[in-house]
Amino acid sequence: MSDAPIRLAIIGSTGSIGRNALDVVRQQRGRYDVVALAAHSNAALLLEQVREFTPAARCTPARPPWRPWRAPMKRILF
């Protein structure tokens, strides 16, 4: 068995199941690596999650109200 972290993509990260999954990741630091986050709503929470977990991929709807949040999310990692 490898010691490499398990790579996770959390779809619906701002919903209750997604938030609970991220709580498990927090409790098991080093065991999991969040590589992608996706959310349909709650831009503010997704931005916080992106800052905390720095996933390589982030996915949001292209339509408003997300457009103002796209630039801050790009600046976090790049």
N, C-alpha and C. Protein backbone atom coordinates (compact mmCIF):
# COMPACT_ATOMS: atom_id res chain seq x y z
N MET A 1 0.84 -1.19 0.00
CA MET A 1 0.00 0.00 0.00
C MET A 1 0.88 1.25 0.00
N SER A 2 0.52 2.20 -0.82
CA SER A 2 1.30 3.42 -0.97
C SER A 2 1.00 4.41 0.15
N ASP A 3 2.01 5.20 0.49
CA ASP A 3 1.82 6.26 1.48
C ASP A 3 1.38 7.56 0.85
N ALA A 4 1.23 7.58 -0.47
CA ALA A 4 0.80 8.79 -1.16
C ALA A 4 -0.63 9.14 -0.74
N PRO A 5 -0.92 10.46 -0.63
CA PRO A 5 -2.27 10.85 -0.25
C PRO A 5 -3.29 10.44 -1.31
N ILE A 6 -4.49 10.19 -0.85
CA ILE A 6 -5.60 9.87 -1.75
C ILE A 6 -6.09 11.17 -2.36
N ARG A 7 -6.14 11.23 -3.67
CA ARG A 7 -6.55 12.45 -4.38
C ARG A 7 -8.08 12.48 -4.49
N LEU A 8 -8.66 13.61 -4.10
CA LEU A 8 -10.12 13.76 -4.09
C LEU A 8 -10.58 14.92 -4.95
N ALA A 9 -11.70 14.72 -5.61
CA ALA A 9 -12.45 15.80 -6.27
C ALA A 9 -13.77 15.88 -5.53
N ILE A 10 -14.06 17.03 -4.96
CA ILE A 10 -15.29 17.21 -4.19
C ILE A 10 -16.28 17.98 -5.06
N ILE A 11 -17.31 17.28 -5.51
CA ILE A 11 -18.35 17.90 -6.32
C ILE A 11 -19.47 18.33 -5.38
N GLY A 12 -19.83 19.60 -5.45
CA GLY A 12 -20.82 20.13 -4.50
C GLY A 12 -20.18 20.45 -3.17
N SER A 13 -19.01 21.05 -3.21
CA SER A 13 -18.23 21.28 -1.99
C SER A 13 -18.88 22.25 -1.01
N THR A 14 -19.80 23.08 -1.48
CA THR A 14 -20.44 24.03 -0.57
C THR A 14 -21.73 23.49 0.04
N GLY A 15 -22.17 22.33 -0.42
CA GLY A 15 -23.36 21.70 0.15
C GLY A 15 -23.01 20.93 1.42
N SER A 16 -24.01 20.38 2.06
CA SER A 16 -23.79 19.72 3.36
C SER A 16 -22.87 18.50 3.24
N ILE A 17 -23.03 17.69 2.22
CA ILE A 17 -22.17 16.51 2.06
C ILE A 17 -20.75 16.94 1.71
N GLY A 18 -20.61 17.92 0.83
CA GLY A 18 -19.29 18.43 0.48
C GLY A 18 -18.57 19.04 1.67
N ARG A 19 -19.28 19.81 2.48
CA ARG A 19 -18.67 20.41 3.68
C ARG A 19 -18.24 19.31 4.65
N ASN A 20 -19.06 18.28 4.80
CA ASN A 20 -18.69 17.17 5.69
C ASN A 20 -17.48 16.42 5.17
N ALA A 21 -17.41 16.23 3.86
CA ALA A 21 -16.23 15.57 3.27
C ALA A 21 -14.97 16.38 3.54
N LEU A 22 -15.06 17.69 3.41
CA LEU A 22 -13.90 18.54 3.67
C LEU A 22 -13.53 18.55 5.16
N ASP A 23 -14.51 18.39 6.03
CA ASP A 23 -14.20 18.25 7.46
C ASP A 23 -13.36 16.99 7.71
N VAL A 24 -13.69 15.90 7.03
CA VAL A 24 -12.91 14.67 7.16
C VAL A 24 -11.49 14.91 6.66
N VAL A 25 -11.35 15.61 5.55
CA VAL A 25 -10.02 15.92 5.02
C VAL A 25 -9.22 16.73 6.05
N ARG A 26 -9.87 17.69 6.69
CA ARG A 26 -9.19 18.50 7.72
C ARG A 26 -8.71 17.62 8.88
N GLN A 27 -9.55 16.67 9.28
CA GLN A 27 -9.21 15.80 10.40
C GLN A 27 -8.10 14.81 10.06
N GLN A 28 -7.95 14.51 8.79
CA GLN A 28 -6.98 13.51 8.33
C GLN A 28 -5.89 14.17 7.48
N ARG A 29 -5.36 15.28 7.94
CA ARG A 29 -4.32 16.01 7.18
C ARG A 29 -3.22 15.06 6.73
N GLY A 30 -2.85 15.19 5.47
CA GLY A 30 -1.80 14.35 4.92
C GLY A 30 -2.31 13.07 4.28
N ARG A 31 -3.48 12.61 4.68
CA ARG A 31 -4.03 11.38 4.11
C ARG A 31 -4.73 11.65 2.77
N TYR A 32 -5.31 12.85 2.64
CA TYR A 32 -6.07 13.21 1.44
C TYR A 32 -5.49 14.46 0.80
N ASP A 33 -5.63 14.55 -0.51
CA ASP A 33 -5.21 15.72 -1.27
C ASP A 33 -6.40 16.15 -2.12
N VAL A 34 -6.95 17.32 -1.84
CA VAL A 34 -8.09 17.83 -2.60
C VAL A 34 -7.54 18.44 -3.89
N VAL A 35 -7.85 17.81 -5.00
CA VAL A 35 -7.33 18.27 -6.29
C VAL A 35 -8.36 19.04 -7.10
N ALA A 36 -9.65 18.94 -6.71
CA ALA A 36 -10.70 19.67 -7.45
C ALA A 36 -11.88 19.96 -6.53
N LEU A 37 -12.43 21.15 -6.70
CA LEU A 37 -13.64 21.56 -6.00
C LEU A 37 -14.63 22.09 -7.03
N ALA A 38 -15.90 21.75 -6.85
CA ALA A 38 -16.94 22.27 -7.74
C ALA A 38 -18.15 22.64 -6.89
N ALA A 39 -18.79 23.74 -7.28
CA ALA A 39 -19.97 24.19 -6.56
C ALA A 39 -20.93 24.88 -7.51
N HIS A 40 -22.20 24.79 -7.17
CA HIS A 40 -23.22 25.45 -7.98
C HIS A 40 -23.60 26.80 -7.39
N SER A 41 -23.54 26.91 -6.08
CA SER A 41 -23.90 28.18 -5.43
C SER A 41 -22.97 28.41 -4.25
N ASN A 42 -23.15 29.52 -3.56
CA ASN A 42 -22.35 29.93 -2.40
C ASN A 42 -20.90 30.23 -2.81
N ALA A 43 -20.77 31.27 -3.60
CA ALA A 43 -19.46 31.67 -4.11
C ALA A 43 -18.49 32.03 -2.98
N ALA A 44 -18.98 32.68 -1.95
CA ALA A 44 -18.10 33.08 -0.85
C ALA A 44 -17.47 31.87 -0.18
N LEU A 45 -18.26 30.84 0.08
CA LEU A 45 -17.73 29.64 0.72
C LEU A 45 -16.76 28.90 -0.20
N LEU A 46 -17.08 28.81 -1.48
CA LEU A 46 -16.17 28.16 -2.42
C LEU A 46 -14.83 28.88 -2.46
N LEU A 47 -14.86 30.19 -2.45
CA LEU A 47 -13.61 30.96 -2.45
C LEU A 47 -12.78 30.65 -1.20
N GLU A 48 -13.43 30.55 -0.05
CA GLU A 48 -12.72 30.18 1.18
C GLU A 48 -12.11 28.78 1.05
N GLN A 49 -12.87 27.85 0.49
CA GLN A 49 -12.39 26.48 0.33
C GLN A 49 -11.20 26.42 -0.62
N VAL A 50 -11.27 27.20 -1.69
CA VAL A 50 -10.15 27.24 -2.64
C VAL A 50 -8.90 27.78 -1.96
N ARG A 51 -9.06 28.80 -1.15
CA ARG A 51 -7.90 29.34 -0.42
C ARG A 51 -7.32 28.33 0.55
N GLU A 52 -8.17 27.57 1.20
CA GLU A 52 -7.69 26.60 2.19
C GLU A 52 -7.04 25.37 1.56
N PHE A 53 -7.68 24.81 0.54
CA PHE A 53 -7.24 23.53 0.00
C PHE A 53 -6.42 23.65 -1.28
N THR A 54 -6.38 24.81 -1.89
CA THR A 54 -5.63 25.09 -3.13
C THR A 54 -5.73 23.97 -4.17
N PRO A 55 -6.95 23.63 -4.58
CA PRO A 55 -7.08 22.59 -5.60
C PRO A 55 -6.59 23.09 -6.95
N ALA A 56 -6.07 22.18 -7.75
CA ALA A 56 -5.61 22.54 -9.09
C ALA A 56 -6.78 22.90 -10.00
N ALA A 57 -7.95 22.32 -9.74
CA ALA A 57 -9.13 22.59 -10.58
C ALA A 57 -10.28 23.10 -9.72
N ARG A 58 -10.93 24.13 -10.26
CA ARG A 58 -12.13 24.68 -9.62
C ARG A 58 -13.18 24.82 -10.69
N CYS A 59 -14.42 24.47 -10.36
CA CYS A 59 -15.48 24.52 -11.36
C CYS A 59 -16.69 25.25 -10.78
N THR A 60 -17.18 26.21 -11.54
CA THR A 60 -18.38 26.96 -11.16
C THR A 60 -19.21 27.18 -12.41
N PRO A 61 -20.49 27.48 -12.25
CA PRO A 61 -21.30 27.82 -13.43
C PRO A 61 -20.75 29.08 -14.11
N ALA A 62 -20.91 29.17 -15.40
CA ALA A 62 -20.42 30.33 -16.16
C ALA A 62 -21.36 31.53 -16.06
N ARG A 63 -22.56 31.30 -15.64
CA ARG A 63 -23.54 32.38 -15.61
C ARG A 63 -23.48 33.15 -14.29
N PRO A 64 -24.03 34.36 -14.26
CA PRO A 64 -24.07 35.12 -13.00
C PRO A 64 -24.77 34.29 -11.94
N PRO A 65 -24.44 34.42 -10.68
CA PRO A 65 -23.61 35.46 -10.06
C PRO A 65 -22.13 35.13 -9.97
N TRP A 66 -21.64 34.14 -10.69
CA TRP A 66 -20.26 33.70 -10.56
C TRP A 66 -19.24 34.58 -11.24
N ARG A 67 -19.60 35.29 -12.24
CA ARG A 67 -18.60 36.05 -13.01
C ARG A 67 -17.72 36.94 -12.14
N PRO A 68 -18.25 37.66 -11.17
CA PRO A 68 -17.35 38.50 -10.34
C PRO A 68 -16.36 37.70 -9.50
N TRP A 69 -16.64 36.43 -9.25
CA TRP A 69 -15.78 35.60 -8.40
C TRP A 69 -14.68 34.90 -9.17
N ARG A 70 -14.78 34.83 -10.48
CA ARG A 70 -13.79 34.07 -11.26
C ARG A 70 -12.39 34.66 -11.15
N ALA A 71 -12.25 35.95 -11.24
CA ALA A 71 -10.91 36.56 -11.16
C ALA A 71 -10.24 36.31 -9.81
N PRO A 72 -10.93 36.51 -8.67
CA PRO A 72 -10.27 36.21 -7.38
C PRO A 72 -9.85 34.75 -7.27
N MET A 73 -10.64 33.82 -7.80
CA MET A 73 -10.26 32.42 -7.71
C MET A 73 -9.04 32.12 -8.55
N LYS A 74 -8.91 32.75 -9.70
CA LYS A 74 -7.72 32.54 -10.54
C LYS A 74 -6.47 33.07 -9.85
N ARG A 75 -6.58 34.20 -9.16
CA ARG A 75 -5.41 34.81 -8.52
C ARG A 75 -4.90 33.99 -7.34
N ILE A 76 -5.71 33.18 -6.74
CA ILE A 76 -5.29 32.41 -5.56
C ILE A 76 -4.14 31.48 -5.90
N LEU A 77 -4.22 30.80 -7.03
CA LEU A 77 -3.23 29.79 -7.36
C LEU A 77 -2.21 30.22 -8.37
N PHE A 78 -2.49 31.27 -9.12
CA PHE A 78 -1.60 31.62 -10.23
C PHE A 78 -0.97 32.97 -10.03
